[in-house]
Structures are given as C-alpha cells and as structure tokens.
Amino acid sequence: MVPRKRFIARIRALGYSYKSRQKRTYLYRKAGGTHYISVPMRDNLTETYVRSVLGQAGCSEDDIRAFLDDDATSP
C-alpha cells in the first residue's frame, strides 16, 4: 500500500495540480493539458492503482519501480 500523501507529492512533481474535490476522489490536472488523475480519498492506495496511474502519467517502468521500492523501505 502507498500512502495517498506520498503519491500526491509524486504526481505534483510530474506537473499535476489540485483541481477539485469530487464525491469520493480528488481531481488533479496536468498544467497546460487536459490529462487528469482521480485520486481516491482513501489513506492508502493499492500498488496496482499507483503503477497504472504513474504509467499513464508518463513515468517509465524503472521510475515506478523505484518509487514503490522507496515506499517499501520507508517507515
């Protein structure tokens, strides 16, 4: 499981910013584009969701693996 706050920090680093709050998600949109990410309001996100979203956001498989490995080693 990946903490939501850590995931949001990662997508912000990729150029996404907070747009609005939906019923069960936060909406983040890429600056200068139309791509958006719906982030569930849950405290922890599944690894499958994180892999999928970061891949769609343009991260390489190595970057995603490094992000998830860092999460596994952090307290």
Protein backbone atom coordinates (compact mmCIF):
# COMPACT_ATOMS: atom_id res chain seq x y z
CA MET A 1 0.00 0.00 0.00
CA VAL A 2 1.18 3.50 -0.85
CA PRO A 3 0.23 6.48 1.35
CA ARG A 4 -2.00 8.92 -0.55
CA LYS A 5 0.06 11.94 0.53
CA ARG A 6 3.25 10.41 -0.89
CA PHE A 7 1.50 9.60 -4.18
CA ILE A 8 0.15 13.14 -4.44
CA ALA A 9 3.65 14.52 -3.88
CA ARG A 10 4.86 12.36 -6.79
CA ILE A 11 2.16 13.49 -9.23
CA ARG A 12 2.75 17.12 -8.23
CA ALA A 13 6.40 16.62 -9.18
CA LEU A 14 5.16 15.44 -12.59
CA GLY A 15 3.30 18.73 -13.14
CA TYR A 16 -0.20 17.93 -11.85
CA SER A 17 -2.05 20.30 -9.56
CA TYR A 18 -5.21 20.09 -7.48
CA LYS A 19 -8.32 20.97 -9.47
CA SER A 20 -11.37 19.97 -7.42
CA ARG A 21 -12.93 17.56 -4.97
CA GLN A 22 -15.47 15.01 -6.14
CA LYS A 23 -17.71 12.79 -4.02
CA ARG A 24 -15.03 10.17 -3.29
CA THR A 25 -11.95 11.44 -5.13
CA TYR A 26 -9.64 14.40 -5.54
CA LEU A 27 -9.10 15.57 -9.10
CA TYR A 28 -5.60 16.58 -10.22
CA ARG A 29 -4.98 18.06 -13.66
CA LYS A 30 -1.80 18.47 -15.67
CA ALA A 31 -0.81 22.10 -16.21
CA GLY A 32 -1.23 23.14 -19.84
CA GLY A 33 -3.10 19.99 -20.82
CA THR A 34 -6.30 18.06 -20.46
CA HIS A 35 -4.99 14.93 -18.73
CA TYR A 36 -6.32 14.43 -15.22
CA ILE A 37 -5.95 11.94 -12.38
CA SER A 38 -8.68 10.94 -9.94
CA VAL A 39 -7.10 10.15 -6.58
CA PRO A 40 -9.29 8.20 -4.14
CA MET A 41 -9.77 9.77 -0.71
CA ARG A 42 -8.53 6.59 0.99
CA ASP A 43 -5.41 6.95 3.13
CA ASN A 44 -3.58 4.12 1.34
CA LEU A 45 -3.64 3.34 -2.38
CA THR A 46 -3.06 -0.07 -3.91
CA GLU A 47 0.17 -0.78 -5.73
CA THR A 48 -1.79 -1.76 -8.87
CA TYR A 49 -3.54 1.63 -8.97
CA VAL A 50 -0.26 3.51 -8.44
CA ARG A 51 1.51 1.56 -11.21
CA SER A 52 -1.33 2.18 -13.63
CA VAL A 53 -1.68 5.90 -12.98
CA LEU A 54 2.04 6.67 -12.99
CA GLY A 55 2.40 4.74 -16.25
CA GLN A 56 -0.37 6.81 -17.83
CA ALA A 57 1.27 9.98 -16.49
CA GLY A 58 4.44 9.17 -18.43
CA CYS A 59 6.71 7.53 -15.85
CA SER A 60 8.98 4.75 -17.04
CA GLU A 61 8.73 1.29 -15.50
CA ASP A 62 12.08 1.87 -13.76
CA ASP A 63 10.83 5.13 -12.19
CA ILE A 64 7.66 3.42 -10.98
CA ARG A 65 9.62 0.51 -9.52
CA ALA A 66 11.99 2.92 -7.74
CA PHE A 67 9.04 4.89 -6.33
CA LEU A 68 7.41 1.71 -5.00
CA ASP A 69 10.71 0.36 -3.63
CA ASP A 70 11.31 3.62 -1.75
CA ASP A 71 7.83 3.29 -0.26
CA ALA A 72 8.54 -0.25 0.91
CA THR A 73 11.69 0.81 2.76
CA SER A 74 10.28 3.95 4.40
CA PRO A 75 8.84 3.56 7.93
